[in-house]
Every structure is written in structure tokens, then in C-alpha cells.
Amino acid sequence: MDNDNKKKTIYDLAVLVEASPSAVSSVLNGTWEKRRISKKLAEKVLKIADEQGYRLNTQASLLRRDKSNIIGMIVPKYDNRYFGEIAEQFEAMARAKGMFPVVTCTQRDPDLEFEAAKELVGYQVECLISTGATDSDRITAYCKAAGVQVLNLDLPGKDAPSVISDNYTGARDLTNLIFRRCQSDLGWSGPLRFVGGRLSDHNTAARLKGFMDAHKERGLAVPSENIQASGYSADAAWNSLRDFYPDGPTGVFVNSTISLEGVVRWHSQLADATGSIRFGCFDRDPFGKFLPGNVGMVEQNVPKMLETLFKMVGQSKLVQDVILIPCKLEEF
């Protein structure tokens, strides 16, 4: 048997390169930078590995290219139609532009968001899309230090361009729609209830302002107990409403389809009272139009948001502005 045709191992390469097997392994698996191995040695390993017919992994071979064509995205949730749509359309648009998309879910955990960003930078992404991040500026600082472009989506940051929905206008329009239907269907025009989200969250704050301003236009004060922004979860929405049994007509502004699940659970247990309730939801689910009492939903324009973002990818000297994308109000 001809030993020259025998498949080379990492140990064989280490001898040829005159480096340790662990150093060679780090170059081949793409972790050489973390181990502070010099780029000169890394390039030598890759050159000899190539000459010896050693199969390289994708990350290691990026050293041989000027650009990786990898674009990364972090998203807070998958179990939400809005973020699921963002992830799916992001992947499709990236591939159509000749880029390789990498998406990871971070569960609204700021530490997990940061770790995910660091890993994506380690994979030499050319741009990172930070979607709904709780601490986007921390991610931006890290990416900028690594020479990686970062753009914010859904939630704004101070230190990178941001593309978000016009939450204020969408919420004000939805509030007005709920008011109109409460008046026409029930003959009622009292203050509505706001359910879902977090007051510390930019989008919730903007939607709440639109909600409150729609009340001010009607000369209505909103009792503090009517603002129930206890989190983005079905259980949080359910817990905030479970002890509330309306003694007459009422209207509810639901802040996200995640919260809508809890509102529907509450609504379904009211029996004969359900006919005297009208509600609307910020975010859209196609099944929403079949829910009794639902008068409309706000759809965030995901294609437009992503199109706007992709125009910025690879562009230098961008202004750190917040770009607002109008929402669509669907009436039922």
C-alpha cells in the first residue's frame, strides 16, 4: 500500500506545519482566533492542509476569502407568528441576495442574546441583525469592536441604525377602531383596558402612548387598573384578567398575539358576557378574524422592514436613526 495515498491526519499535518496537533485542530475547526493563534500560522496550516487534500470545514476556509457572505440574525421567540415570519423571510431574502443566513433564538434573555452575538461574530458574519434584543447597544458595542456591521430590527438601539414598526400610530388607530365598534355595536364609549407587554419595553411604551392619546382625544381618563402590562405571555394576560368579570359592555386592547391566547382563554369563560366585549390585537394572526368579539388586528409590515434593512447591509457611514415602518390595520 502506498503511504503517500493514505489520508492525512491532524498529527501528520502538525508534523508538516511544525506546530502542535491542538493548534492545527483549532485552525481546522475555526476556533484559532479564540486561542490567539496567529493568522500567519493559520494560513500556513490551511495551505498545507489543502495541498495534502485534507477536507476543511466551512469556517476555517473563510480565511481564504475576502468576504464570508454570512449574515446572522438573533430573534427572541419562534413560537410567535410575527417573529417566525421575520426569520423565514429573512432567510429567503438573504439567499436571494447570495448570502448565507444563520438564525438563532435567544428567548428574550439578555445574556443569551450577547453570547449568541459573540458566537455569530466568531463565525465571521458580515452583518448581524439584532431583532427584538433587550440590550441591543451591548451587542452593537461588541460587534463594532470586532469590525462587524450590526443593524437593529423591531426594537431600537442608540448606537446602530434601527428599523421598527410605527407602534404609536398603529396602536392609536387600533384603539380608535375598538372605540368605534364598542359605540356602534354596544352603545358604549367608556375607557378600554390595555393587556400585555412590558412598560419598560420600547414597543409597549409607544403602543400605550397611542392608546392613551386616543382616549385623550375623547376626553376620557384611563384608570390605572385598566393598564395591565404584566409581560409577553399567555399566562400573564390570563392572570391579569381572570378576576375581572365585566358588569356591562367593555373593550380590550391586546398588546401582541402572545397575550391574545390568555385573553381568549379569559373571554371563553365569561359565558353570557362575551357578547358585550369588543377587542383588538396589535399583531396579526389569520385565525384572529374568526374569534368572537375581535374587531381588528394590526399587521406589522415584515417585508418592508426587511427590505429596508437589506438596503443597509454592507453600507458604511449610516446615520444612527430609527426608521419607522407604517403598520396595516385590518378590520373585521
Foldseek 3Di string as FASTA:
>chain_A
DDPLPDQDDLVNLCVVLVHDSVCLVCLQVLNNVVVVHDLVSSVSSVVVCVVSVNDGDLLNCCSVDPASLEEEEEAADCPAPQRVVLVVVLCVVSVVVVGHYDYYHQNQDQVSLQVVLVVVVSSVHQEYEYEPHPAVVVSCVVCVVSVHHYEYEQAADQPHAYEHAQLQVLLLVQLVQQQVCLCVQPVDRAQAAEFEADCVGPSVVSSVNSSQVNCVVVVYDDDPLSYQHQYQALVSLLVSPQPDQDPAAHEYEYEGVRVVNNVLVSLVPNPPCNSRYAYEYEDDDVCQVVRPRYFKYKHGDSVVRSVVVVVCRPPPPDDRYYHHDYIDIDTD
